[in-house]
């Protein structure tokens, strides 16, 4: 069984932080950026006046230690452009990218190379495996570049290969592997380098649904065990909800809403986000804490609460579990924390919760 997404610690120190990040493509990008600051030009006005394209506009967010932060949006929304700023494959037109508090634009060539090779691992949709190298040699490549002894890097590579359940394929070549297996090699390559940060740009999107779900399960397990800080790009909301501690919805280069999966689904900030989440089932996502009423609210509607025969739920129990509890009883569900009743879920509030609405 895959590991559940663990709760983040209370550590507020950001591992990744973007501050007012802009990327404008075009020969007059500097002029366009100045016009944005002085005149507040829109994306379309920049295109028409300066013949420039806005890839990212005023993006600010932070990612905490061990957090899986998903950025999602439609094709062309700016997701891949944004992620490539984190290791400075793309330089911002304006704004800052900080890794562990350090502005990486201030790094020299050697320091930036070290950041990319030791601190940040990359897993993309196209794994770009070297066809003339075995699985082991592909996985060990980053360690080879660092000059690590052959026996040590092979031992590390073999451990990473076993971690992604490809043991026995160590001496095979990429063209002998299925697409899903090649994705696992890419993940093993990132793991073997032991980076603090993982950048993953739609790594599973080209795979069949069953294999994709298996790799999602494997990633969730590895993420819980290894506690890597991860920026995960996807266009699939189901995937983002399943994997991410928090989700950022992107549109036209801008971050429209950032929140937990439950917040995004139950409290969309605008119609764009609401359309995105319209087809998502809330049964496994929304918890008792989100739909429960206070005892006072319940008693104002239904009279005094007699909790003797009421089924009991916990704050983080899903709507699906609440439905199971309510099927064989006419009593409301009481929600307890440390043996104290802190809320009530009536039949009505449960049904409204399933609809994605609150009382």
Protein backbone atom coordinates (compact mmCIF):
# COMPACT_ATOMS: atom_id res chain seq x y z
CA UNK A 1 0.00 0.00 0.00
CA UNK A 2 1.32 3.50 -0.72
CA UNK A 3 2.23 5.70 2.18
CA UNK A 4 -0.24 8.39 3.09
CA UNK A 5 0.80 11.99 2.56
CA UNK A 6 2.33 12.98 5.87
CA UNK A 7 1.45 16.20 7.60
CA UNK A 8 4.06 18.90 7.27
CA UNK A 9 6.05 19.98 10.28
CA UNK A 10 5.57 23.38 11.84
CA UNK A 11 8.95 24.48 10.44
CA UNK A 12 8.20 27.65 8.50
CA UNK A 13 11.68 28.01 6.95
CA UNK A 14 11.27 27.91 3.17
CA UNK A 15 13.54 25.65 1.15
CA UNK A 16 12.33 27.20 -2.12
CA UNK A 17 11.02 30.74 -2.35
CA UNK A 18 10.00 32.79 -5.36
CA UNK A 19 9.41 36.51 -4.89
CA UNK A 20 7.48 38.51 -7.49
CA UNK A 21 8.92 36.45 -10.33
CA UNK A 22 8.42 37.65 -13.90
CA UNK A 23 9.60 36.15 -17.17
CA UNK A 24 9.00 38.11 -20.36
CA UNK A 25 10.28 36.67 -23.64
CA UNK A 26 11.28 38.97 -26.48
CA UNK A 27 13.89 41.45 -27.67
CA UNK A 28 12.27 44.30 -25.71
CA UNK A 29 11.64 42.37 -22.49
CA UNK A 30 13.40 44.99 -20.33
CA UNK A 31 11.25 47.78 -21.79
CA UNK A 32 8.13 45.67 -21.34
CA UNK A 33 9.01 44.95 -17.71
CA UNK A 34 9.51 48.64 -17.03
CA UNK A 35 6.14 49.38 -18.61
CA UNK A 36 4.53 46.77 -16.34
CA UNK A 37 6.00 48.49 -13.29
CA UNK A 38 5.23 52.05 -14.40
CA UNK A 39 1.95 51.62 -16.26
CA UNK A 40 0.55 48.27 -15.09
CA UNK A 41 0.31 46.87 -18.61
CA UNK A 42 -1.54 43.60 -19.06
CA UNK A 43 -0.19 40.48 -20.78
CA UNK A 44 -2.08 41.31 -23.98
CA UNK A 45 -0.94 44.94 -23.94
CA UNK A 46 2.68 43.81 -23.59
CA UNK A 47 2.22 41.49 -26.56
CA UNK A 48 0.67 44.19 -28.73
CA UNK A 49 2.94 47.09 -27.74
CA UNK A 50 6.33 45.37 -27.34
CA UNK A 51 5.85 42.10 -29.25
CA UNK A 52 6.86 40.23 -26.11
CA UNK A 53 5.32 37.17 -24.47
CA UNK A 54 4.73 36.96 -20.72
CA UNK A 55 5.63 33.47 -19.52
CA UNK A 56 5.39 34.10 -15.78
CA UNK A 57 3.83 37.10 -14.12
CA UNK A 58 4.40 38.18 -10.53
CA UNK A 59 4.65 34.65 -9.10
CA UNK A 60 5.30 34.46 -5.36
CA UNK A 61 5.27 31.25 -3.32
CA UNK A 62 7.37 29.22 -0.92
CA UNK A 63 7.87 25.49 -0.42
CA UNK A 64 8.66 24.12 3.04
CA UNK A 65 10.97 21.34 4.14
CA UNK A 66 9.70 17.97 2.90
CA UNK A 67 6.66 19.50 1.19
CA UNK A 68 5.28 18.31 -2.14
CA UNK A 69 4.08 21.48 -3.84
CA UNK A 70 2.09 20.90 -7.05
CA UNK A 71 1.76 23.54 -9.75
CA UNK A 72 -0.96 22.78 -12.24
CA UNK A 73 -2.69 24.41 -15.14
CA UNK A 74 -3.56 23.95 -18.79
CA UNK A 75 -0.94 23.72 -21.54
CA UNK A 76 0.67 27.12 -22.05
CA UNK A 77 -0.15 28.34 -18.54
CA UNK A 78 3.55 28.79 -17.65
CA UNK A 79 4.15 25.74 -15.43
CA UNK A 80 7.30 24.47 -17.13
CA UNK A 81 8.67 27.97 -17.55
CA UNK A 82 8.25 28.57 -13.84
CA UNK A 83 9.93 25.35 -12.69
CA UNK A 84 12.98 26.05 -14.86
CA UNK A 85 13.63 29.20 -12.85
CA UNK A 86 14.26 27.16 -9.71
CA UNK A 87 17.67 25.99 -10.94
CA UNK A 88 18.18 29.00 -13.23
CA UNK A 89 17.84 27.12 -16.50
CA UNK A 90 15.74 30.19 -17.29
CA UNK A 91 16.77 33.53 -15.82
CA UNK A 92 13.96 35.77 -14.55
CA UNK A 93 13.26 39.13 -16.12
CA UNK A 94 12.46 40.39 -12.65
CA UNK A 95 12.16 38.94 -9.16
CA UNK A 96 14.10 36.54 -6.98
CA UNK A 97 14.49 32.79 -6.58
CA UNK A 98 15.88 31.76 -3.19
CA UNK A 99 17.11 28.28 -2.33
CA UNK A 100 17.49 27.86 1.43
CA UNK A 101 17.49 31.63 1.77
CA UNK A 102 20.14 32.30 -0.88
CA UNK A 103 19.38 34.32 -4.02
CA UNK A 104 20.67 31.97 -6.70
CA UNK A 105 21.06 34.77 -9.25
CA UNK A 106 24.08 35.85 -7.19
CA UNK A 107 25.88 32.51 -7.62
CA UNK A 108 28.94 32.21 -9.82
CA UNK A 109 29.24 29.64 -12.59
CA UNK A 110 30.89 26.98 -10.42
CA UNK A 111 28.49 27.56 -7.52
CA UNK A 112 25.48 27.29 -9.84
CA UNK A 113 26.86 24.09 -11.35
CA UNK A 114 27.29 22.65 -7.86
CA UNK A 115 23.72 23.64 -6.96
CA UNK A 116 22.37 21.82 -10.00
CA UNK A 117 24.48 18.70 -9.54
CA UNK A 118 24.23 18.19 -5.78
CA UNK A 119 21.26 20.04 -4.30
CA UNK A 120 18.59 19.87 -7.03
CA UNK A 121 17.45 16.74 -8.89
CA UNK A 122 15.32 16.86 -12.01
CA UNK A 123 12.78 14.35 -13.30
CA UNK A 124 11.01 15.23 -16.54
CA UNK A 125 8.52 13.60 -18.89
CA UNK A 126 11.33 12.80 -21.33
CA UNK A 127 13.94 11.01 -19.27
CA UNK A 128 16.71 11.51 -21.87
CA UNK A 129 18.35 8.25 -20.83
CA UNK A 130 21.63 7.58 -22.61
CA UNK A 131 20.97 4.62 -24.92
CA UNK A 132 24.57 3.35 -24.89
CA UNK A 133 24.64 3.12 -21.09
CA UNK A 134 23.12 0.41 -18.93
CA UNK A 135 20.45 1.18 -16.35
CA UNK A 136 23.13 1.15 -13.65
CA UNK A 137 25.38 3.55 -15.58
CA UNK A 138 22.46 5.88 -16.33
CA UNK A 139 21.50 5.99 -12.65
CA UNK A 140 25.12 6.51 -11.56
CA UNK A 141 25.84 9.26 -14.10
CA UNK A 142 25.56 12.25 -11.73
CA UNK A 143 27.89 10.51 -9.27
CA UNK A 144 30.35 9.84 -12.07
CA UNK A 145 30.36 13.53 -12.98
CA UNK A 146 31.22 14.32 -9.36
CA UNK A 147 34.23 12.03 -9.59
CA UNK A 148 32.95 9.46 -7.09
CA UNK A 149 34.74 6.12 -7.05
CA UNK A 150 33.26 3.49 -9.40
CA UNK A 151 32.49 0.92 -6.70
CA UNK A 152 30.80 3.52 -4.49
CA UNK A 153 28.67 4.97 -7.27
CA UNK A 154 27.62 1.51 -8.46
CA UNK A 155 26.63 0.52 -4.94
CA UNK A 156 24.59 3.73 -4.61
CA UNK A 157 23.03 3.20 -8.04
CA UNK A 158 22.07 -0.40 -7.24
CA UNK A 159 20.37 0.76 -4.02
CA UNK A 160 18.41 3.40 -5.96
CA UNK A 161 17.42 0.85 -8.59
CA UNK A 162 16.14 -1.45 -5.86
CA UNK A 163 14.24 1.45 -4.29
CA UNK A 164 12.22 1.90 -7.50
CA UNK A 165 11.75 -1.88 -7.79
CA UNK A 166 13.89 -2.43 -10.88
CA UNK A 167 16.34 -4.91 -9.35
CA UNK A 168 17.47 -7.42 -11.94
CA UNK A 169 17.44 -4.80 -14.72
CA UNK A 170 20.71 -3.15 -13.68
CA UNK A 171 22.68 -4.35 -16.72
CA UNK A 172 19.93 -3.84 -19.31
CA UNK A 173 19.78 -0.94 -21.75
CA UNK A 174 17.00 1.68 -22.05
CA UNK A 175 15.58 0.23 -25.27
CA UNK A 176 14.88 -3.02 -23.41
CA UNK A 177 12.61 -1.22 -20.91
CA UNK A 178 8.98 -0.18 -21.11
CA UNK A 179 8.00 3.48 -20.81
CA UNK A 180 7.07 3.07 -17.16
CA UNK A 181 10.35 1.34 -16.39
CA UNK A 182 12.28 4.15 -18.08
CA UNK A 183 10.45 6.65 -15.86
CA UNK A 184 11.59 4.63 -12.84
CA UNK A 185 15.17 4.80 -14.07
CA UNK A 186 14.83 8.58 -14.23
CA UNK A 187 13.50 8.65 -10.69
CA UNK A 188 16.29 6.34 -9.53
CA UNK A 189 18.85 8.64 -11.15
CA UNK A 190 17.51 11.58 -9.16
CA UNK A 191 17.42 9.53 -5.94
CA UNK A 192 20.99 8.28 -6.39
CA UNK A 193 22.27 11.86 -6.57
CA UNK A 194 20.57 12.42 -3.18
CA UNK A 195 19.44 16.01 -3.82
CA UNK A 196 17.65 18.07 -1.21
CA UNK A 197 15.14 19.29 -3.82
CA UNK A 198 13.31 17.41 -6.58
CA UNK A 199 11.92 19.23 -9.61
CA UNK A 200 9.40 17.03 -11.44
CA UNK A 201 7.84 18.29 -14.67
CA UNK A 202 4.89 16.06 -15.65
CA UNK A 203 7.00 12.92 -15.10
CA UNK A 204 4.09 10.48 -15.45
CA UNK A 205 1.87 12.22 -18.00
CA UNK A 206 2.84 10.09 -21.03
CA UNK A 207 2.13 6.78 -19.29
CA UNK A 208 -0.89 4.50 -19.39
CA UNK A 209 -3.36 5.14 -16.52
CA UNK A 210 -2.55 1.95 -14.59
CA UNK A 211 1.22 2.41 -14.79
CA UNK A 212 0.80 6.08 -13.97
CA UNK A 213 -1.10 5.28 -10.80
CA UNK A 214 1.50 2.69 -9.79
CA UNK A 215 4.27 5.25 -10.16
CA UNK A 216 2.24 7.81 -8.21
CA UNK A 217 1.93 5.24 -5.41
CA UNK A 218 5.65 4.60 -5.53
CA UNK A 219 6.43 8.31 -5.50
CA UNK A 220 4.14 8.85 -2.49
CA UNK A 221 5.94 6.08 -0.61
CA UNK A 222 9.39 7.41 -1.50
CA UNK A 223 8.34 10.98 -0.70
CA UNK A 224 7.19 9.97 2.79
CA UNK A 225 10.36 7.95 3.43
CA UNK A 226 12.95 10.33 1.98
CA UNK A 227 11.25 13.65 2.81
CA UNK A 228 12.51 15.43 -0.30
CA UNK A 229 11.26 18.95 -0.89
CA UNK A 230 9.47 18.59 -4.23
CA UNK A 231 8.08 20.92 -6.86
CA UNK A 232 5.74 18.79 -8.99
CA UNK A 233 4.26 20.07 -12.25
CA UNK A 234 1.11 18.48 -13.65
CA UNK A 235 -1.93 19.33 -15.77
CA UNK A 236 -3.96 16.62 -14.00
CA UNK A 237 -5.94 17.79 -10.97
CA UNK A 238 -6.52 14.23 -9.75
CA UNK A 239 -2.76 13.71 -9.70
CA UNK A 240 -2.15 17.02 -7.93
CA UNK A 241 -4.75 16.23 -5.28
CA UNK A 242 -3.34 12.76 -4.76
CA UNK A 243 0.29 13.84 -4.49
CA UNK A 244 0.45 17.43 -3.25
CA UNK A 245 0.43 18.83 0.25
CA UNK A 246 -0.50 22.11 -1.43
CA UNK A 247 -1.56 23.01 -4.97
CA UNK A 248 -1.03 26.19 -6.98
CA UNK A 249 -3.39 26.77 -9.91
CA UNK A 250 -1.73 28.65 -12.78
CA UNK A 251 -3.35 30.58 -15.63
CA UNK A 252 -1.71 32.83 -18.24
CA UNK A 253 1.56 32.83 -16.30
CA UNK A 254 -0.03 33.89 -13.00
CA UNK A 255 -0.72 31.88 -9.85
CA UNK A 256 -4.48 32.17 -9.38
CA UNK A 257 -4.86 30.25 -6.10
CA UNK A 258 -2.61 28.40 -3.67
CA UNK A 259 -4.02 26.07 -1.02
CA UNK A 260 -4.39 22.54 0.28
CA UNK A 261 -6.29 20.12 -1.97
CA UNK A 262 -9.31 20.46 0.32
CA UNK A 263 -9.17 24.28 0.18
CA UNK A 264 -8.84 24.33 -3.61
CA UNK A 265 -11.79 21.98 -4.12
CA UNK A 266 -14.15 23.37 -1.49
CA UNK A 267 -13.33 27.07 -1.71
CA UNK A 268 -12.26 28.00 -5.28
CA UNK A 269 -11.25 31.62 -5.54
CA UNK A 270 -12.89 32.28 -8.92
CA UNK A 271 -14.82 30.68 -11.78
CA UNK A 272 -11.63 29.45 -13.47
CA UNK A 273 -10.65 27.39 -10.44
CA UNK A 274 -14.26 26.33 -9.89
CA UNK A 275 -14.39 24.94 -13.44
CA UNK A 276 -11.14 23.08 -12.80
CA UNK A 277 -12.48 21.30 -9.72
CA UNK A 278 -16.09 20.83 -10.86
CA UNK A 279 -15.72 17.13 -11.64
CA UNK A 280 -13.66 16.14 -8.59
CA UNK A 281 -15.25 13.75 -6.09
CA UNK A 282 -15.14 15.19 -2.61
CA UNK A 283 -15.79 11.92 -0.76
CA UNK A 284 -12.14 11.07 -0.10
CA UNK A 285 -10.88 14.64 -0.03
CA UNK A 286 -13.13 16.62 2.32
CA UNK A 287 -12.92 15.88 6.04
CA UNK A 288 -15.30 16.02 9.00
CA UNK A 289 -13.57 19.18 10.19
CA UNK A 290 -14.67 20.97 7.03
CA UNK A 291 -18.39 20.10 7.19
CA UNK A 292 -19.14 19.81 10.91
CA UNK A 293 -21.24 22.34 12.80
CA UNK A 294 -20.61 23.55 16.30
CA UNK A 295 -22.80 22.02 19.01
CA UNK A 296 -24.52 25.39 19.38
CA UNK A 297 -25.32 25.58 15.66
CA UNK A 298 -26.70 22.05 15.69
CA UNK A 299 -28.88 22.62 18.78
CA UNK A 300 -30.26 25.89 17.33
CA UNK A 301 -31.58 23.86 14.38
CA UNK A 302 -32.49 20.50 15.92
CA UNK A 303 -32.76 20.95 19.68
CA UNK A 304 -30.62 19.51 22.50
CA UNK A 305 -27.94 17.02 21.41
CA UNK A 306 -28.10 13.57 22.97
CA UNK A 307 -24.78 12.01 22.00
CA UNK A 308 -25.37 8.63 23.66
CA UNK A 309 -26.20 6.65 20.52
CA UNK A 310 -24.38 8.85 18.01
CA UNK A 311 -21.61 7.39 15.86
CA UNK A 312 -18.22 8.98 16.50
CA UNK A 313 -15.81 10.43 13.93
CA UNK A 314 -12.40 12.10 14.05
CA UNK A 315 -11.53 15.49 12.60
CA UNK A 316 -9.67 14.01 9.64
CA UNK A 317 -12.22 11.33 8.73
CA UNK A 318 -13.32 11.64 5.10
CA UNK A 319 -16.84 12.20 3.81
CA UNK A 320 -16.73 8.64 2.52
CA UNK A 321 -16.21 7.36 6.06
CA UNK A 322 -18.93 9.67 7.39
CA UNK A 323 -21.36 8.22 4.84
CA UNK A 324 -20.54 4.72 6.10
CA UNK A 325 -21.21 5.86 9.69
CA UNK A 326 -24.52 7.48 8.83
CA UNK A 327 -26.07 4.68 6.74
CA UNK A 328 -27.44 2.59 9.62
CA UNK A 329 -28.51 5.34 11.99
CA UNK A 330 -30.83 8.30 12.17
CA UNK A 331 -28.60 10.02 14.72
CA UNK A 332 -26.12 12.72 13.81
CA UNK A 333 -22.40 12.00 13.85
CA UNK A 334 -20.41 13.56 16.67
CA UNK A 335 -16.82 14.62 16.04
CA UNK A 336 -14.40 14.12 18.91
CA UNK A 337 -10.90 15.30 19.67
CA UNK A 338 -9.17 13.88 22.74
CA UNK A 339 -12.51 12.39 23.93
CA UNK A 340 -14.20 15.79 23.77
CA UNK A 341 -17.13 16.46 21.43
CA UNK A 342 -16.13 19.45 19.32
CA UNK A 343 -18.61 19.26 16.44
CA UNK A 344 -21.65 17.59 14.91
CA UNK A 345 -22.38 16.37 11.38
CA UNK A 346 -26.09 16.06 10.65
CA UNK A 347 -27.55 14.26 7.64
CA UNK A 348 -28.17 17.63 6.05
CA UNK A 349 -24.64 18.97 6.53
CA UNK A 350 -23.22 15.68 5.28
CA UNK A 351 -25.25 15.89 2.07
CA UNK A 352 -24.32 19.52 1.59
CA UNK A 353 -20.68 18.56 2.08
CA UNK A 354 -20.96 15.91 -0.63
CA UNK A 355 -22.36 18.62 -2.90
CA UNK A 356 -19.34 20.77 -2.07
CA UNK A 357 -21.39 23.30 -0.14
CA UNK A 358 -21.44 24.42 3.46
CA UNK A 359 -24.29 25.40 5.74
